[in-house]
Amino acid sequence: MNSRQKGKRIEREAAQAIGATFNVAMRRGVQFAGGPDSPDVVGLPGVHFEVKGVERLNIWAAMEQAIRDAGNQIPVVACKRNRSAWLLVVPLDQANRLVDAILATREQEKA
């Protein structure tokens, strides 16, 4: 599978998994925003998701990319290797902001 197709597939999988876990509507970001700094997955306002689907991930480099691209948003790395569960990595000092964003989005979707 070429890397572009794999990237699209893994981003769709991430959007589905994150949405199901947090009970919010999520989707791939690039096809809607299109910029190089746009998040890979969108649906939680104020959260920048960087999605990685590789066997050997340098989590520090991935988080640096997420922080650089996030601006004032919460940087989150969603990563998965073959036949493994999804992992989310968020700076601990941003965890409360992430929880607040999830709860606020759930409330908005109820209304």
N, C-alpha and C. Protein backbone atom coordinates (compact mmCIF):
# COMPACT_ATOMS: atom_id res chain seq x y z
N MET A 1 0.86 -1.17 0.00
CA MET A 1 0.00 0.00 0.00
C MET A 1 0.90 1.23 0.00
N ASN A 2 0.60 2.20 -0.87
CA ASN A 2 1.47 3.37 -0.86
C ASN A 2 1.24 4.20 0.40
N SER A 3 2.22 5.00 0.74
CA SER A 3 2.19 5.70 2.04
C SER A 3 1.05 6.70 2.13
N ARG A 4 0.66 7.33 1.03
CA ARG A 4 -0.45 8.29 1.07
C ARG A 4 -1.76 7.58 1.40
N GLN A 5 -2.00 6.45 0.77
CA GLN A 5 -3.22 5.68 1.06
C GLN A 5 -3.21 5.17 2.50
N LYS A 6 -2.04 4.70 2.95
CA LYS A 6 -1.93 4.23 4.32
C LYS A 6 -2.20 5.37 5.29
N GLY A 7 -1.67 6.54 5.01
CA GLY A 7 -1.89 7.70 5.87
C GLY A 7 -3.36 8.06 5.97
N LYS A 8 -4.06 8.05 4.85
CA LYS A 8 -5.50 8.34 4.86
C LYS A 8 -6.26 7.30 5.68
N ARG A 9 -5.91 6.04 5.46
CA ARG A 9 -6.59 4.96 6.19
C ARG A 9 -6.36 5.08 7.69
N ILE A 10 -5.13 5.32 8.10
CA ILE A 10 -4.83 5.39 9.52
C ILE A 10 -5.48 6.62 10.15
N GLU A 11 -5.58 7.72 9.42
CA GLU A 11 -6.26 8.91 9.94
C GLU A 11 -7.76 8.65 10.10
N ARG A 12 -8.36 7.93 9.15
CA ARG A 12 -9.79 7.58 9.29
C ARG A 12 -10.00 6.67 10.49
N GLU A 13 -9.11 5.69 10.66
CA GLU A 13 -9.19 4.79 11.82
C GLU A 13 -9.05 5.57 13.12
N ALA A 14 -8.11 6.51 13.14
CA ALA A 14 -7.90 7.32 14.35
C ALA A 14 -9.14 8.15 14.65
N ALA A 15 -9.71 8.77 13.65
CA ALA A 15 -10.91 9.58 13.85
C ALA A 15 -12.04 8.73 14.42
N GLN A 16 -12.21 7.54 13.88
CA GLN A 16 -13.27 6.65 14.37
C GLN A 16 -13.00 6.23 15.80
N ALA A 17 -11.77 5.84 16.11
CA ALA A 17 -11.43 5.36 17.45
C ALA A 17 -11.53 6.48 18.49
N ILE A 18 -11.03 7.65 18.17
CA ILE A 18 -11.09 8.78 19.11
C ILE A 18 -12.54 9.20 19.32
N GLY A 19 -13.30 9.28 18.24
CA GLY A 19 -14.71 9.65 18.35
C GLY A 19 -15.49 8.66 19.19
N ALA A 20 -15.26 7.38 18.99
CA ALA A 20 -15.96 6.36 19.77
C ALA A 20 -15.56 6.41 21.24
N THR A 21 -14.29 6.64 21.51
CA THR A 21 -13.80 6.68 22.89
C THR A 21 -14.35 7.89 23.64
N PHE A 22 -14.33 9.05 23.01
CA PHE A 22 -14.75 10.28 23.67
C PHE A 22 -16.22 10.62 23.44
N ASN A 23 -16.89 9.81 22.61
CA ASN A 23 -18.30 10.02 22.29
C ASN A 23 -18.54 11.41 21.68
N VAL A 24 -17.70 11.74 20.69
CA VAL A 24 -17.83 12.99 19.94
C VAL A 24 -17.63 12.68 18.45
N ALA A 25 -18.14 13.54 17.60
CA ALA A 25 -18.00 13.36 16.15
C ALA A 25 -16.61 13.81 15.71
N MET A 26 -15.85 12.92 15.10
CA MET A 26 -14.50 13.23 14.63
C MET A 26 -14.41 12.85 13.15
N ARG A 27 -13.46 13.50 12.43
CA ARG A 27 -13.22 13.17 11.03
C ARG A 27 -11.78 13.52 10.68
N ARG A 28 -11.33 13.00 9.55
CA ARG A 28 -10.01 13.38 9.04
C ARG A 28 -9.98 14.88 8.83
N GLY A 29 -8.86 15.49 9.10
CA GLY A 29 -8.76 16.93 8.97
C GLY A 29 -8.26 17.43 7.65
N VAL A 30 -7.33 16.76 7.03
CA VAL A 30 -6.65 17.29 5.86
C VAL A 30 -7.58 17.54 4.69
N GLN A 31 -8.54 16.66 4.47
CA GLN A 31 -9.39 16.86 3.30
C GLN A 31 -10.28 18.08 3.43
N PHE A 32 -10.44 18.60 4.65
CA PHE A 32 -11.27 19.78 4.85
C PHE A 32 -10.42 21.05 4.93
N ALA A 33 -9.30 21.02 5.63
CA ALA A 33 -8.49 22.22 5.83
C ALA A 33 -7.37 22.32 4.81
N GLY A 34 -6.66 21.23 4.60
CA GLY A 34 -5.68 21.16 3.54
C GLY A 34 -4.30 21.73 3.79
N GLY A 35 -4.10 22.51 4.84
CA GLY A 35 -2.79 23.10 5.09
C GLY A 35 -1.82 22.13 5.72
N PRO A 36 -0.53 22.41 5.59
CA PRO A 36 0.48 21.51 6.16
C PRO A 36 0.42 21.47 7.69
N ASP A 37 -0.06 22.52 8.32
CA ASP A 37 -0.15 22.55 9.78
C ASP A 37 -1.53 22.16 10.28
N SER A 38 -2.42 21.75 9.38
CA SER A 38 -3.76 21.38 9.82
C SER A 38 -3.70 20.04 10.55
N PRO A 39 -4.56 19.86 11.55
CA PRO A 39 -4.53 18.60 12.30
C PRO A 39 -4.95 17.43 11.42
N ASP A 40 -4.45 16.25 11.76
CA ASP A 40 -4.80 15.04 11.01
C ASP A 40 -6.24 14.62 11.28
N VAL A 41 -6.73 14.92 12.49
CA VAL A 41 -8.09 14.57 12.90
C VAL A 41 -8.71 15.81 13.53
N VAL A 42 -9.96 16.11 13.19
CA VAL A 42 -10.65 17.27 13.75
C VAL A 42 -11.98 16.85 14.36
N GLY A 43 -12.47 17.69 15.26
CA GLY A 43 -13.75 17.43 15.90
C GLY A 43 -13.78 17.91 17.34
N LEU A 44 -12.61 18.11 17.93
CA LEU A 44 -12.50 18.68 19.27
C LEU A 44 -11.87 20.06 19.12
N PRO A 45 -12.66 21.13 19.20
CA PRO A 45 -12.11 22.48 19.05
C PRO A 45 -11.01 22.73 20.09
N GLY A 46 -9.93 23.33 19.62
CA GLY A 46 -8.81 23.64 20.51
C GLY A 46 -7.83 22.51 20.70
N VAL A 47 -8.03 21.39 19.98
CA VAL A 47 -7.13 20.24 20.11
C VAL A 47 -6.52 19.94 18.75
N HIS A 48 -5.20 19.81 18.73
CA HIS A 48 -4.48 19.49 17.49
C HIS A 48 -4.00 18.04 17.57
N PHE A 49 -4.57 17.17 16.74
CA PHE A 49 -4.19 15.76 16.70
C PHE A 49 -3.17 15.51 15.61
N GLU A 50 -2.07 14.90 15.98
CA GLU A 50 -1.07 14.40 15.05
C GLU A 50 -1.18 12.88 15.08
N VAL A 51 -1.45 12.26 13.93
CA VAL A 51 -1.67 10.81 13.87
C VAL A 51 -0.45 10.14 13.24
N LYS A 52 0.02 9.09 13.90
CA LYS A 52 1.17 8.33 13.41
C LYS A 52 0.82 6.85 13.41
N GLY A 53 1.02 6.20 12.29
CA GLY A 53 0.80 4.77 12.18
C GLY A 53 2.07 4.10 11.70
N VAL A 54 3.00 3.91 12.61
CA VAL A 54 4.30 3.33 12.26
C VAL A 54 4.70 2.30 13.31
N GLU A 55 5.57 1.40 12.92
CA GLU A 55 6.03 0.35 13.83
C GLU A 55 7.00 0.88 14.88
N ARG A 56 7.86 1.79 14.50
CA ARG A 56 8.86 2.33 15.43
C ARG A 56 8.75 3.85 15.41
N LEU A 57 8.10 4.38 16.42
CA LEU A 57 7.84 5.82 16.48
C LEU A 57 8.77 6.50 17.47
N ASN A 58 9.35 7.59 17.05
CA ASN A 58 10.08 8.46 17.96
C ASN A 58 9.03 9.41 18.55
N ILE A 59 8.49 9.06 19.72
CA ILE A 59 7.39 9.82 20.31
C ILE A 59 7.78 11.25 20.60
N TRP A 60 9.05 11.48 20.95
CA TRP A 60 9.50 12.83 21.25
C TRP A 60 9.46 13.70 19.99
N ALA A 61 9.90 13.16 18.88
CA ALA A 61 9.85 13.91 17.62
C ALA A 61 8.40 14.15 17.19
N ALA A 62 7.54 13.15 17.38
CA ALA A 62 6.13 13.30 17.02
C ALA A 62 5.47 14.38 17.88
N MET A 63 5.78 14.40 19.19
CA MET A 63 5.21 15.42 20.06
C MET A 63 5.75 16.79 19.71
N GLU A 64 7.04 16.88 19.38
CA GLU A 64 7.60 18.17 18.96
C GLU A 64 6.87 18.70 17.73
N GLN A 65 6.56 17.82 16.78
CA GLN A 65 5.81 18.23 15.59
C GLN A 65 4.42 18.70 15.97
N ALA A 66 3.75 17.95 16.85
CA ALA A 66 2.40 18.34 17.28
C ALA A 66 2.42 19.69 17.98
N ILE A 67 3.39 19.91 18.86
CA ILE A 67 3.50 21.19 19.57
C ILE A 67 3.76 22.33 18.59
N ARG A 68 4.66 22.10 17.67
CA ARG A 68 5.01 23.13 16.67
C ARG A 68 3.79 23.48 15.82
N ASP A 69 3.03 22.47 15.40
CA ASP A 69 1.88 22.71 14.52
C ASP A 69 0.65 23.18 15.27
N ALA A 70 0.58 22.93 16.59
CA ALA A 70 -0.64 23.21 17.36
C ALA A 70 -0.84 24.69 17.65
N GLY A 71 0.22 25.47 17.68
CA GLY A 71 0.06 26.87 18.09
C GLY A 71 -0.41 26.92 19.53
N ASN A 72 -1.57 27.57 19.77
CA ASN A 72 -2.08 27.64 21.14
C ASN A 72 -3.08 26.53 21.45
N GLN A 73 -3.21 25.57 20.54
CA GLN A 73 -4.10 24.43 20.77
C GLN A 73 -3.39 23.37 21.60
N ILE A 74 -4.15 22.39 22.07
CA ILE A 74 -3.61 21.29 22.85
C ILE A 74 -2.99 20.28 21.89
N PRO A 75 -1.69 19.99 22.01
CA PRO A 75 -1.07 19.01 21.12
C PRO A 75 -1.31 17.59 21.63
N VAL A 76 -1.78 16.73 20.74
CA VAL A 76 -2.02 15.33 21.08
C VAL A 76 -1.47 14.47 19.95
N VAL A 77 -0.73 13.43 20.31
CA VAL A 77 -0.25 12.46 19.33
C VAL A 77 -1.07 11.19 19.52
N ALA A 78 -1.73 10.75 18.44
CA ALA A 78 -2.43 9.47 18.42
C ALA A 78 -1.56 8.53 17.59
N CYS A 79 -1.18 7.41 18.18
CA CYS A 79 -0.28 6.52 17.47
C CYS A 79 -0.71 5.06 17.61
N LYS A 80 -0.35 4.31 16.58
CA LYS A 80 -0.73 2.90 16.52
C LYS A 80 0.28 2.17 15.66
N ARG A 81 0.63 0.98 16.10
CA ARG A 81 1.41 0.11 15.23
C ARG A 81 0.52 -1.07 14.85
N ASN A 82 0.94 -1.85 13.90
CA ASN A 82 0.13 -2.97 13.42
C ASN A 82 -0.29 -3.89 14.56
N ARG A 83 -1.53 -4.28 14.52
CA ARG A 83 -2.10 -5.24 15.47
C ARG A 83 -1.94 -4.80 16.93
N SER A 84 -2.00 -3.49 17.17
CA SER A 84 -1.89 -2.95 18.52
C SER A 84 -3.00 -1.94 18.74
N ALA A 85 -3.23 -1.62 20.00
CA ALA A 85 -4.24 -0.63 20.36
C ALA A 85 -3.72 0.78 20.10
N TRP A 86 -4.65 1.71 19.96
CA TRP A 86 -4.30 3.11 19.82
C TRP A 86 -3.76 3.65 21.13
N LEU A 87 -2.81 4.54 21.05
CA LEU A 87 -2.29 5.27 22.20
C LEU A 87 -2.48 6.76 21.94
N LEU A 88 -2.80 7.51 22.98
CA LEU A 88 -2.83 8.97 22.91
C LEU A 88 -1.76 9.49 23.85
N VAL A 89 -0.98 10.43 23.37
CA VAL A 89 0.06 11.06 24.18
C VAL A 89 -0.24 12.55 24.22
N VAL A 90 -0.35 13.07 25.43
CA VAL A 90 -0.63 14.49 25.63
C VAL A 90 0.28 14.98 26.75
N PRO A 91 0.84 16.19 26.62
CA PRO A 91 1.62 16.71 27.73
C PRO A 91 0.75 16.78 28.99
N LEU A 92 1.29 16.33 30.10
CA LEU A 92 0.52 16.27 31.34
C LEU A 92 -0.07 17.62 31.71
N ASP A 93 0.67 18.69 31.47
CA ASP A 93 0.16 20.00 31.83
C ASP A 93 -0.98 20.47 30.92
N GLN A 94 -1.30 19.69 29.89
CA GLN A 94 -2.40 20.00 28.98
C GLN A 94 -3.59 19.05 29.17
N ALA A 95 -3.44 18.06 30.04
CA ALA A 95 -4.48 17.03 30.21
C ALA A 95 -5.81 17.62 30.66
N ASN A 96 -5.79 18.56 31.60
CA ASN A 96 -7.05 19.16 32.05
C ASN A 96 -7.74 19.92 30.92
N ARG A 97 -6.96 20.61 30.10
CA ARG A 97 -7.55 21.32 28.95
C ARG A 97 -8.19 20.33 27.98
N LEU A 98 -7.55 19.16 27.79
CA LEU A 98 -8.11 18.14 26.90
C LEU A 98 -9.43 17.63 27.44
N VAL A 99 -9.48 17.33 28.72
CA VAL A 99 -10.74 16.87 29.33
C VAL A 99 -11.82 17.93 29.17
N ASP A 100 -11.48 19.18 29.43
CA ASP A 100 -12.46 20.28 29.28
C ASP A 100 -12.97 20.37 27.84
N ALA A 101 -12.08 20.21 26.86
CA ALA A 101 -12.49 20.27 25.45
C ALA A 101 -13.43 19.12 25.11
N ILE A 102 -13.15 17.94 25.63
CA ILE A 102 -14.02 16.78 25.37
C ILE A 102 -15.41 17.03 25.96
N LEU A 103 -15.46 17.46 27.21
CA LEU A 103 -16.75 17.68 27.87
C LEU A 103 -17.53 18.80 27.20
N ALA A 104 -16.87 19.89 26.82
CA ALA A 104 -17.55 21.00 26.15
C ALA A 104 -18.12 20.56 24.80
N THR A 105 -17.35 19.75 24.07
CA THR A 105 -17.81 19.28 22.76
C THR A 105 -19.01 18.35 22.91
N ARG A 106 -18.98 17.48 23.90
CA ARG A 106 -20.13 16.61 24.16
C ARG A 106 -21.38 17.43 24.46
N GLU A 107 -21.23 18.46 25.27
CA GLU A 107 -22.38 19.32 25.61
C GLU A 107 -22.92 20.03 24.38
N GLN A 108 -22.03 20.54 23.53
CA GLN A 108 -22.45 21.22 22.30
C GLN A 108 -23.18 20.27 21.37
N GLU A 109 -22.71 19.03 21.27
CA GLU A 109 -23.34 18.07 20.37
C GLU A 109 -24.70 17.64 20.88
N LYS A 110 -24.92 17.69 22.21
CA LYS A 110 -26.23 17.36 22.78
C LYS A 110 -27.25 18.42 22.43
N ALA A 111 -26.81 19.68 22.40
CA ALA A 111 -27.73 20.82 22.20
C ALA A 111 -28.30 20.89 20.81
